[in-house]
Protein backbone atom coordinates (compact mmCIF):
# COMPACT_ATOMS: atom_id res chain seq x y z
CA MET A 1 -2.94 -2.37 -18.23
CA SER A 2 0.54 -3.89 -18.18
CA GLU A 3 0.75 -3.45 -21.97
CA ARG A 4 0.60 0.34 -21.74
CA ASN A 5 3.90 2.06 -22.39
CA LEU A 6 4.38 4.32 -19.38
CA THR A 7 7.93 5.39 -20.24
CA LEU A 8 6.88 9.04 -20.49
CA LEU A 9 5.21 8.82 -17.07
CA THR A 10 8.14 10.89 -15.87
CA ASP A 11 8.79 14.48 -14.91
CA LEU A 12 10.27 16.44 -17.78
CA TYR A 13 13.32 17.34 -15.74
CA GLU A 14 14.27 13.66 -15.59
CA LEU A 15 14.65 13.78 -19.37
CA THR A 16 16.50 17.09 -19.43
CA MET A 17 18.87 15.77 -16.75
CA MET A 18 19.34 12.60 -18.79
CA GLN A 19 20.41 14.65 -21.78
CA GLY A 20 22.73 16.63 -19.55
CA TYR A 21 24.36 13.42 -18.29
CA PHE A 22 24.54 12.18 -21.87
CA HIS A 23 26.63 15.19 -22.92
CA ALA A 24 28.45 16.19 -19.74
CA LYS A 25 29.26 12.92 -17.97
CA ASP A 26 29.91 9.27 -18.63
CA ALA A 27 26.57 7.88 -19.71
CA ASN A 28 27.39 4.53 -18.04
CA GLU A 29 28.24 5.89 -14.59
CA THR A 30 26.42 3.60 -12.16
CA VAL A 31 24.58 5.03 -9.16
CA ILE A 32 22.34 3.91 -6.31
CA PHE A 33 18.99 5.54 -5.55
CA ASP A 34 16.78 4.69 -2.57
CA ALA A 35 13.00 5.12 -2.55
CA PHE A 36 11.74 5.59 1.01
CA TYR A 37 9.23 7.59 3.06
CA ARG A 38 9.74 9.77 6.12
CA THR A 39 6.48 9.68 8.11
CA ASN A 40 3.86 7.01 8.72
CA PRO A 41 0.53 8.18 7.26
CA ASP A 42 -2.43 8.97 9.55
CA GLY A 43 -0.24 8.91 12.64
CA ASN A 44 -0.01 5.15 12.14
CA GLY A 45 2.65 3.04 13.83
CA PHE A 46 3.75 1.50 10.53
CA ALA A 47 2.96 1.33 6.83
CA ILE A 48 2.33 -1.53 4.39
CA THR A 49 4.32 -1.53 1.18
CA ALA A 50 2.49 -2.34 -2.04
CA GLY A 51 2.87 -1.85 -5.78
CA LEU A 52 5.95 -3.94 -6.60
CA GLU A 53 4.11 -5.99 -9.23
CA GLN A 54 3.28 -2.81 -11.14
CA VAL A 55 6.87 -1.57 -10.80
CA VAL A 56 8.02 -4.84 -12.39
CA GLU A 57 5.55 -4.42 -15.26
CA TYR A 58 6.69 -0.85 -15.79
CA ILE A 59 10.40 -1.71 -15.89
CA GLU A 60 9.86 -4.70 -18.18
CA ASN A 61 8.04 -2.48 -20.68
CA LEU A 62 10.40 0.48 -20.42
CA HIS A 63 11.20 1.75 -23.92
CA PHE A 64 10.66 4.78 -26.14
CA ASP A 65 8.26 4.27 -29.04
CA LYS A 66 8.70 6.19 -32.26
CA GLU A 67 5.71 8.30 -31.19
CA ASP A 68 7.45 9.12 -27.93
CA ILE A 69 10.60 10.28 -29.70
CA ASP A 70 8.60 12.26 -32.25
CA TYR A 71 6.84 14.02 -29.40
CA LEU A 72 10.09 14.81 -27.60
CA ARG A 73 11.47 16.24 -30.82
CA THR A 74 8.58 18.71 -30.99
CA THR A 75 9.54 20.20 -27.61
CA GLY A 76 12.72 21.63 -29.07
CA LEU A 77 14.63 20.61 -25.95
CA PHE A 78 16.44 17.52 -27.17
CA GLY A 79 19.18 16.98 -29.73
CA GLU A 80 19.08 14.28 -32.39
CA ASP A 81 22.02 12.41 -30.90
CA PHE A 82 20.17 12.05 -27.58
CA LEU A 83 16.94 11.07 -29.33
CA GLU A 84 18.84 8.39 -31.23
CA TYR A 85 20.13 7.08 -27.91
CA LEU A 86 16.57 6.90 -26.59
CA ALA A 87 15.48 4.83 -29.57
CA ASP A 88 17.56 1.91 -28.27
CA PHE A 89 16.97 2.61 -24.57
CA LYS A 90 16.37 -0.25 -22.16
CA PHE A 91 16.84 -0.83 -18.45
CA THR A 92 20.01 -2.80 -17.70
CA GLY A 93 20.37 -2.24 -13.97
CA ASP A 94 19.52 -4.01 -10.72
CA ILE A 95 16.54 -3.42 -8.45
CA TYR A 96 16.07 -4.62 -4.90
CA ALA A 97 12.80 -4.15 -3.03
CA ILE A 98 10.86 -5.08 0.08
CA PRO A 99 8.08 -7.50 -0.96
CA GLU A 100 4.49 -6.29 -1.11
CA GLY A 101 2.46 -6.72 2.05
CA THR A 102 5.45 -6.21 4.35
CA VAL A 103 5.04 -3.89 7.31
CA VAL A 104 7.61 -1.11 6.96
CA PHE A 105 8.80 1.95 8.81
CA PRO A 106 10.09 5.43 7.94
CA ARG A 107 13.49 5.88 6.26
CA GLU A 108 13.82 2.26 5.17
CA PRO A 109 14.55 1.82 1.43
CA LEU A 110 11.42 0.23 -0.01
CA VAL A 111 13.07 0.09 -3.45
CA LYS A 112 16.77 0.34 -4.29
CA VAL A 113 17.83 1.02 -7.89
CA ILE A 114 21.41 0.32 -9.01
CA ALA A 115 21.79 1.40 -12.62
CA PRO A 116 23.51 3.79 -15.02
CA ILE A 117 22.58 7.32 -14.01
CA MET A 118 20.32 8.00 -16.97
CA GLN A 119 18.28 4.86 -16.35
CA ALA A 120 18.10 5.40 -12.59
CA GLN A 121 17.01 9.01 -13.13
CA LEU A 122 14.28 8.20 -15.64
CA VAL A 123 12.43 5.67 -13.46
CA GLU A 124 12.11 7.94 -10.39
CA THR A 125 8.68 9.41 -11.09
CA ALA A 126 6.93 6.18 -12.03
CA ILE A 127 8.38 4.16 -9.15
CA LEU A 128 7.30 6.80 -6.65
CA ASN A 129 3.88 7.14 -8.27
CA ILE A 130 3.25 3.39 -8.06
CA ILE A 131 4.71 2.68 -4.62
CA ASN A 132 3.37 5.86 -2.98
CA HIS A 133 -0.21 5.31 -4.09
CA GLN A 134 -0.57 1.62 -3.36
CA SER A 135 1.32 1.77 -0.06
CA LEU A 136 -0.90 4.65 1.05
CA ILE A 137 -4.14 2.81 0.24
CA ALA A 138 -2.96 -0.51 1.69
CA THR A 139 -2.00 1.26 4.92
CA LYS A 140 -5.30 3.14 5.11
CA ALA A 141 -7.30 -0.01 4.39
CA ASN A 142 -5.52 -1.79 7.20
CA ARG A 143 -6.32 1.01 9.65
CA ILE A 144 -9.99 0.68 8.76
CA CYS A 145 -9.87 -3.11 9.04
CA ARG A 146 -8.23 -2.83 12.45
CA ALA A 147 -11.05 -0.53 13.57
CA ALA A 148 -13.56 -3.14 12.34
CA ASN A 149 -11.73 -5.67 14.54
CA GLY A 150 -12.46 -8.83 12.59
CA ARG A 151 -15.68 -7.73 10.91
CA THR A 152 -15.75 -7.74 7.10
CA VAL A 153 -14.65 -4.56 5.33
CA LEU A 154 -15.37 -4.06 1.63
CA GLU A 155 -13.80 -1.36 -0.55
CA PHE A 156 -16.65 0.70 -2.07
CA GLY A 157 -14.78 3.69 -3.48
CA SER A 158 -14.48 3.32 -7.26
CA ARG A 159 -16.73 6.27 -8.10
CA ARG A 160 -14.87 8.54 -5.65
CA ALA A 161 -11.32 7.62 -6.67
CA GLN A 162 -9.16 10.13 -8.53
CA GLY A 163 -9.43 8.44 -11.90
CA ALA A 164 -9.70 4.92 -13.28
CA ASP A 165 -6.22 3.74 -12.30
CA ALA A 166 -6.70 4.93 -8.73
CA ALA A 167 -9.94 2.93 -8.54
CA ILE A 168 -8.59 -0.26 -10.11
CA ILE A 169 -5.17 -0.38 -8.48
CA GLY A 170 -6.54 1.12 -5.27
CA ALA A 171 -8.87 -1.86 -4.89
CA ARG A 172 -5.87 -4.16 -5.27
CA ALA A 173 -3.97 -2.27 -2.57
CA ALA A 174 -6.99 -2.22 -0.26
CA TYR A 175 -7.29 -6.00 -0.58
CA ILE A 176 -3.63 -6.42 0.32
CA GLY A 177 -4.25 -4.22 3.36
CA GLY A 178 -7.04 -6.47 4.62
CA CYS A 179 -10.31 -5.67 2.85
CA ALA A 180 -12.35 -8.75 1.98
CA GLY A 181 -13.25 -7.49 -1.49
CA THR A 182 -14.23 -4.59 -3.68
CA ALA A 183 -17.16 -3.19 -5.60
CA CYS A 184 -14.86 -2.65 -8.62
CA THR A 185 -15.51 -5.42 -11.12
CA ILE A 186 -12.44 -4.87 -13.28
CA SER A 187 -10.16 -5.27 -10.25
CA ASP A 188 -11.55 -8.78 -9.91
CA GLN A 189 -10.99 -9.44 -13.61
CA LEU A 190 -7.40 -8.16 -13.64
CA TYR A 191 -6.11 -9.10 -10.20
CA GLY A 192 -8.54 -11.54 -8.62
CA VAL A 193 -9.75 -9.11 -5.96
CA PRO A 194 -13.21 -10.54 -5.08
CA ALA A 195 -15.93 -8.24 -6.41
CA GLY A 196 -19.31 -8.02 -4.75
CA GLY A 197 -22.42 -5.91 -4.33
CA THR A 198 -26.18 -6.02 -4.62
CA MET A 199 -28.37 -3.02 -5.35
CA ALA A 200 -28.61 0.76 -5.34
CA HIS A 201 -31.55 2.94 -4.32
CA ALA A 202 -32.47 3.23 -8.00
CA TRP A 203 -33.33 -0.48 -8.08
CA VAL A 204 -35.85 0.00 -5.29
CA GLN A 205 -37.28 3.14 -6.88
CA MET A 206 -37.82 1.42 -10.24
CA PHE A 207 -40.49 -0.91 -8.84
CA ASP A 208 -44.04 -0.06 -7.87
CA THR A 209 -43.38 -1.11 -4.29
CA GLU A 210 -40.33 -1.65 -2.12
CA TYR A 211 -41.49 -5.19 -1.47
CA ASP A 212 -41.61 -5.96 -5.21
CA ALA A 213 -38.03 -4.74 -5.56
CA PHE A 214 -36.83 -6.96 -2.72
CA LYS A 215 -38.87 -9.99 -3.83
CA THR A 216 -37.58 -9.76 -7.39
CA TYR A 217 -33.98 -9.47 -6.23
CA CYS A 218 -34.33 -12.47 -3.93
CA GLU A 219 -35.75 -14.50 -6.83
CA LEU A 220 -32.88 -13.48 -9.13
CA TYR A 221 -30.01 -13.75 -6.63
CA PRO A 222 -31.12 -16.00 -3.74
CA GLY A 223 -27.49 -16.62 -2.75
CA ASN A 224 -26.67 -12.91 -2.52
CA ALA A 225 -29.77 -11.35 -1.02
CA ILE A 226 -28.66 -8.17 0.75
CA MET A 227 -31.49 -5.63 0.71
CA LEU A 228 -30.86 -1.87 0.78
CA VAL A 229 -33.52 -0.88 3.29
CA ASP A 230 -33.26 2.92 3.68
CA THR A 231 -34.79 4.16 0.39
CA TYR A 232 -38.06 5.20 2.07
CA ASP A 233 -38.28 4.37 5.79
CA THR A 234 -35.78 1.94 7.28
CA LEU A 235 -37.74 0.70 10.30
CA ARG A 236 -41.35 1.00 9.13
CA SER A 237 -40.99 -0.30 5.57
CA GLY A 238 -37.46 -1.25 4.58
CA ILE A 239 -36.68 -3.95 7.13
CA PRO A 240 -40.27 -5.35 7.29
CA ASN A 241 -40.36 -5.65 3.48
CA ALA A 242 -36.95 -7.32 3.44
CA ILE A 243 -38.10 -9.83 6.06
CA ARG A 244 -41.25 -10.51 4.08
CA ALA A 245 -39.22 -11.21 0.94
CA PHE A 246 -36.87 -13.48 2.89
CA ASP A 247 -39.85 -15.38 4.32
CA GLU A 248 -41.66 -15.81 1.02
CA VAL A 249 -38.73 -16.42 -1.35
CA LEU A 250 -35.70 -17.62 0.59
CA ARG A 251 -37.08 -19.63 3.49
CA PRO A 252 -39.01 -22.10 1.23
CA LYS A 253 -35.67 -22.78 -0.49
CA GLY A 254 -33.97 -23.44 2.84
CA ILE A 255 -31.87 -20.30 2.50
CA THR A 256 -31.17 -18.28 5.61
CA LYS A 257 -28.03 -16.56 4.35
CA CYS A 258 -29.31 -13.06 3.67
CA GLY A 259 -29.07 -9.56 5.06
CA ILE A 260 -29.69 -5.83 4.85
CA ARG A 261 -27.63 -2.73 4.17
CA LEU A 262 -27.96 0.61 5.93
CA ASP A 263 -26.73 3.65 4.01
CA SER A 264 -28.07 6.58 6.05
CA GLY A 265 -29.39 7.62 9.43
CA ASP A 266 -28.13 6.79 12.91
CA LEU A 267 -26.29 3.58 12.13
CA ALA A 268 -25.85 2.55 15.77
CA TYR A 269 -29.54 2.96 16.62
CA LEU A 270 -30.83 1.49 13.37
CA SER A 271 -28.54 -1.53 13.49
CA LYS A 272 -29.71 -2.40 17.01
CA LYS A 273 -33.35 -2.15 15.96
CA ALA A 274 -32.64 -4.13 12.79
CA ARG A 275 -30.90 -6.90 14.72
CA LYS A 276 -33.86 -7.28 17.04
CA MET A 277 -36.33 -7.39 14.13
CA LEU A 278 -34.29 -9.89 12.13
CA ASP A 279 -33.76 -12.15 15.16
CA GLU A 280 -37.44 -12.13 16.04
CA ALA A 281 -38.28 -13.00 12.44
CA GLY A 282 -36.05 -16.07 12.59
CA PHE A 283 -33.00 -14.71 10.78
CA PRO A 284 -30.36 -14.52 13.53
CA ASP A 285 -27.54 -15.06 11.03
CA ALA A 286 -28.63 -12.27 8.68
CA VAL A 287 -25.88 -9.81 7.86
CA ILE A 288 -26.27 -6.13 8.76
CA SER A 289 -24.05 -4.16 6.42
CA ALA A 290 -23.42 -0.43 6.67
CA SER A 291 -22.01 2.24 4.40
CA ASN A 292 -22.37 6.06 4.37
CA ASP A 293 -19.07 7.97 4.45
CA LEU A 294 -17.38 5.68 6.94
CA ASP A 295 -13.80 5.84 8.19
CA GLU A 296 -11.86 4.14 10.97
CA TYR A 297 -12.88 6.70 13.59
CA LEU A 298 -16.59 6.45 12.85
CA ILE A 299 -16.41 2.66 12.78
CA ASP A 300 -14.62 2.66 16.11
CA SER A 301 -17.19 5.05 17.56
CA LEU A 302 -20.12 2.97 16.33
CA LYS A 303 -18.64 -0.12 17.90
CA VAL A 304 -18.25 1.70 21.22
CA GLN A 305 -21.96 2.57 20.94
CA GLY A 306 -22.79 -1.13 20.70
CA CYS A 307 -23.87 -1.19 17.06
CA LYS A 308 -24.85 -4.54 15.57
CA ILE A 309 -23.18 -4.02 12.21
CA THR A 310 -21.44 -7.12 10.89
CA SER A 311 -20.04 -5.81 7.61
CA TRP A 312 -18.70 -2.42 6.53
CA GLY A 313 -18.61 -0.87 3.08
CA VAL A 314 -16.05 1.95 3.03
CA GLY A 315 -15.64 4.23 0.02
CA THR A 316 -14.33 7.77 -0.15
CA HIS A 317 -12.23 7.82 3.00
CA LEU A 318 -10.50 4.59 2.02
CA ILE A 319 -9.87 4.91 -1.71
CA THR A 320 -8.65 8.51 -1.41
CA SER A 321 -7.10 8.18 2.06
CA LYS A 322 -9.07 11.36 2.57
CA ASP A 323 -7.47 12.65 5.77
CA TRP A 324 -3.90 11.80 4.66
CA PRO A 325 -3.90 11.88 0.84
CA SER A 326 -0.18 11.50 0.17
CA PHE A 327 2.33 8.82 1.20
CA GLY A 328 5.25 11.22 0.83
CA GLY A 329 7.80 8.77 -0.56
CA VAL A 330 11.02 10.22 -1.97
CA TYR A 331 13.85 8.96 -4.20
CA LYS A 332 17.35 10.02 -3.24
CA LEU A 333 20.87 9.41 -4.53
CA ALA A 334 22.84 7.26 -2.07
CA ALA A 335 26.08 6.36 -3.88
CA ILE A 336 28.07 6.67 -7.11
CA GLN A 337 30.28 3.84 -8.37
CA ASP A 338 33.95 4.62 -8.96
CA ALA A 339 34.67 3.63 -12.56
CA GLN A 340 38.16 2.33 -11.79
CA SER A 341 37.79 0.55 -8.46
CA GLY A 342 34.15 -0.46 -8.81
CA GLU A 343 33.52 0.66 -5.24
CA PHE A 344 30.50 2.78 -4.38
CA ILE A 345 31.28 6.24 -3.07
CA PRO A 346 28.59 7.22 -0.53
CA LYS A 347 26.57 10.38 -1.09
CA ILE A 348 24.46 12.29 1.38
CA LYS A 349 21.80 14.98 1.05
CA LEU A 350 21.91 17.78 3.60
CA SER A 351 18.99 19.95 4.61
CA GLU A 352 18.06 22.66 7.08
CA ASN A 353 15.46 20.12 8.22
CA SER A 354 17.30 17.29 9.96
CA GLU A 355 14.63 14.75 9.04
CA LYS A 356 15.48 15.29 5.37
CA ILE A 357 19.13 14.30 5.75
CA THR A 358 19.56 10.99 3.93
CA ASN A 359 21.34 7.77 4.83
CA PRO A 360 24.28 7.27 2.46
CA GLY A 361 25.80 4.21 0.82
CA ASN A 362 24.78 0.84 -0.54
CA LYS A 363 22.45 -0.52 2.14
CA LYS A 364 20.33 -3.48 3.16
CA ILE A 365 17.83 -3.99 5.97
CA TYR A 366 17.60 -6.64 8.66
CA ARG A 367 14.43 -7.18 10.66
CA ILE A 368 15.13 -8.27 14.21
CA TYR A 369 12.56 -10.45 16.00
CA GLU A 370 12.34 -11.44 19.62
CA LYS A 371 12.84 -15.17 19.52
CA ASP A 372 10.40 -16.04 22.30
CA THR A 373 7.49 -13.94 21.00
CA GLY A 374 8.12 -13.64 17.26
CA LYS A 375 7.44 -9.91 17.56
CA ILE A 376 9.51 -7.21 15.88
CA LYS A 377 12.18 -5.81 18.16
CA ALA A 378 13.66 -3.32 15.68
CA ASP A 379 14.86 -2.90 12.12
CA LEU A 380 18.55 -2.42 11.33
CA ILE A 381 19.78 -0.57 8.25
CA CYS A 382 23.37 -1.49 7.46
CA LEU A 383 25.81 -1.59 4.55
CA VAL A 384 25.60 -4.51 2.14
CA ASP A 385 28.98 -5.92 3.14
CA GLU A 386 27.98 -6.23 6.80
CA THR A 387 26.98 -9.62 8.19
CA TYR A 388 25.54 -10.64 11.54
CA ASP A 389 25.41 -13.93 13.39
CA GLU A 390 22.50 -14.74 15.68
CA ASN A 391 24.98 -16.58 17.89
CA ASP A 392 26.74 -13.30 18.68
CA PRO A 393 25.50 -10.45 20.87
CA LEU A 394 24.01 -7.55 18.92
CA VAL A 395 24.12 -3.94 20.09
CA LEU A 396 21.46 -1.59 18.75
CA PHE A 397 21.33 2.16 19.18
CA ASP A 398 18.99 4.97 18.19
CA PRO A 399 20.67 7.02 15.42
CA ASN A 400 18.90 10.15 16.63
CA GLU A 401 19.86 9.58 20.27
CA PRO A 402 22.91 7.30 19.95
CA TRP A 403 23.50 7.11 23.71
CA LYS A 404 20.35 4.97 23.94
CA LYS A 405 21.54 1.41 23.42
CA THR A 406 20.11 -2.09 23.66
CA LYS A 407 22.19 -5.27 23.81
CA LEU A 408 20.59 -8.45 22.48
CA LEU A 409 22.11 -11.66 23.79
CA PRO A 410 22.77 -14.74 21.62
CA GLY A 411 19.74 -16.97 21.30
CA THR A 412 17.27 -14.21 22.14
CA TYR A 413 16.76 -12.81 18.65
CA GLU A 414 16.35 -13.81 15.02
CA LEU A 415 17.34 -11.92 11.86
CA ARG A 416 15.63 -11.67 8.48
CA GLU A 417 16.90 -9.70 5.52
CA LEU A 418 13.99 -7.72 4.07
CA MET A 419 14.96 -6.72 0.54
CA VAL A 420 14.81 -9.20 -2.34
CA HIS A 421 16.57 -9.06 -5.71
CA VAL A 422 14.00 -8.13 -8.35
CA PHE A 423 16.01 -7.20 -11.47
CA ASP A 424 19.50 -8.50 -12.25
CA HIS A 425 21.24 -6.59 -15.06
CA GLY A 426 17.88 -5.70 -16.54
CA ASN A 427 16.38 -9.18 -16.28
CA CYS A 428 13.50 -9.78 -13.89
CA ILE A 429 14.37 -12.64 -11.53
CA TYR A 430 11.42 -12.12 -9.18
CA HIS A 431 7.99 -13.71 -9.48
CA SER A 432 5.17 -11.56 -8.12
CA PRO A 433 2.80 -13.60 -5.94
CA LYS A 434 -0.94 -13.61 -6.53
CA VAL A 435 -2.74 -10.83 -4.75
CA MET A 436 -4.51 -13.21 -2.37
CA ASP A 437 -1.15 -14.67 -1.37
CA ILE A 438 0.20 -11.16 -0.76
CA ARG A 439 -2.84 -10.48 1.42
CA ASP A 440 -2.23 -13.65 3.45
CA TYR A 441 1.43 -12.73 3.85
CA CYS A 442 0.42 -9.26 5.02
CA GLN A 443 -1.83 -10.73 7.70
CA LYS A 444 1.11 -12.79 9.00
CA GLU A 445 3.29 -9.67 8.94
CA LEU A 446 0.78 -7.81 11.09
CA GLU A 447 0.93 -10.58 13.69
CA THR A 448 4.61 -9.73 14.25
CA LEU A 449 3.68 -6.24 15.50
CA TRP A 450 2.97 -5.57 19.16
CA GLU A 451 -0.60 -4.51 19.93
CA GLU A 452 0.75 -1.15 21.08
CA THR A 453 2.09 -0.52 17.55
CA ARG A 454 -1.24 -1.48 15.96
CA ARG A 455 -3.42 0.90 17.94
CA LEU A 456 -5.05 3.68 15.94
CA VAL A 457 -4.15 6.59 18.22
CA ASN A 458 -0.70 7.33 19.64
CA PRO A 459 0.84 3.99 18.63
CA HIS A 460 4.17 2.84 19.97
CA GLY A 461 6.93 3.41 17.39
CA VAL A 462 9.25 0.69 16.12
CA TYR A 463 12.93 1.61 16.18
CA VAL A 464 14.78 1.76 12.88
CA ASP A 465 18.45 1.70 13.82
CA LEU A 466 21.64 2.18 11.84
CA SER A 467 24.63 -0.11 12.09
CA GLN A 468 27.71 1.39 13.70
CA LYS A 469 29.51 1.31 10.35
CA LEU A 470 26.72 3.13 8.52
CA TYR A 471 26.30 5.60 11.37
CA ASP A 472 30.02 6.40 11.35
CA MET A 473 29.93 6.88 7.58
CA LYS A 474 26.99 9.27 7.89
CA ILE A 475 28.63 11.32 10.66
CA SER A 476 31.89 11.47 8.70
CA LEU A 477 30.11 12.83 5.63
CA LEU A 478 28.20 15.34 7.73
CA ASN A 479 31.44 16.54 9.29
CA GLN A 480 33.02 16.88 5.84
CA MET A 481 30.06 18.86 4.54
CA SER A 482 30.05 21.17 7.56
CA GLN A 483 33.63 22.18 6.78
CA VAL A 484 32.72 23.44 3.31
C-alpha cells in the first residue's frame, strides 16, 4: 500500500491555488499550517491520534508521475510552465506531529507543516484524510473497549467498512485504540494486527447435522474451537452439540480451551444460560463470545444486566464509527515567514462562529502532569520560543474565560513536550514504531487520564490553555481585524 502514489489524493483547488501561487507570489514563500480538530467525537472526553505512519509514507512518496501530469494537462486548467514545475516536485519542508496513540484534545495541532506554500497547500487533503479517519476509529475503538471494561474486544467490521482502505487501515487504528485483534487478514499481513476468527453460519449449514459441523471443526482446529451456536436453536441444539464435540474431540486431547459465539437473540439471557450449561459440563473456562450489531452502549447495558459474555466482536458501529462518522479535523494557515527577517508573521482566521477562530503563530504543546498522581492536569499551547522550568511557578488560565486561573507551585508538576520532529527539510528523521508498540504506548497514555475523563457519558473535560504570550498575540490580531 505504501508504494501507491497518492499525490493526486488532493482536492482540485489545492492544485489551482498552487498554480496561482506559482504565478502570483514567490513560489518559495514558507508558511505554517496546523492540522487540528475542534470537538471530541461521540461526546468523548478526549481523542486518540493515529495515522502518522501513513502520513510519513505519503510524504516520502510525494511526486507527480508522467501519467499524473498528462492527466492534469487534459483538464485544460494548467499551463505548461506549471506542469514542468510539477515534474520535479518534491517535499522539502518540515513536519512536526504528536505521536500515534497519544491522547489529545480539541484545538491542539496534531500535525504542523512548515514548508513552501505550494507544498504545504498540496498535502492538506491527504493529511486530513489519513489523520481524521484513523484518529476517529482509534477513539471509537477505545470507547468500546472501555465499555467492555477489560474483556476482549475484536474488530469484526471489514465487510461493513466504506471500502478496502477503510477496512485495512481501520483495523490498524482499532488495534491502537485497544482492540485485541481483527477479522481482517490483510491487516495482520501488512501491520501485524492479530487476525482471528472461526466459522460462519454457512459452515454449520453445509453439514448434515450441527454436531458434524462442530466435530469437524474441533478436529481441524482444536486450538481455536469457538462454535457458532445460534444457526438453528441456541439452547436446545447449538450449545448441547458444542459441548458434545468438546467432550468427544477436545477433552481426550486434554484441551479445555474452547468456547461458543452468540450472534443473535437476547444476549444477556442466552449468555447466562450458556455459562450454566458449560460450567455443568466441566468447561468453566470456556469463552462466551458475542457479536450482533454491538456498540459501547449495548455492551454497557448487557453488563448491567449481568451477562456472562467474556469476549466481544464489534463490527459496523466500530469500523464506521456509525453514530459519529467524521472526526472533523481541519488544516489552517497559522503563519507566513518574512523573506527578509526569517521571522514568522502570525495569521489568524476569523469567523462568525467563535469556535472556528484559529490560534495563530508557530506553536508547540506542553502536557502538564500532576507530579504526585501522574495524571494530566492540563495542556498548554505556546509559541516555539517559549520555555518553562518545573522549578518555577506556572500560572494557567482558560483562554475562553481568562479570569479563571490556576497557579502550579514548583515541584508539584511535570512538563512534557508533545510534538516530535518528523521531517527535516524533506528528510524523514522519525521512525514509526510497530503497531503493537503504539498500542502499548496508548494504554499507558490512557492511564494518565482521570477516571472522570474516561467515562462514556458526560465526561470531565481536560483544559487546553494558551500561554500568556500566545493569548496576547491572538487578542492583538483580533483587535486589529475588528478595526478593518
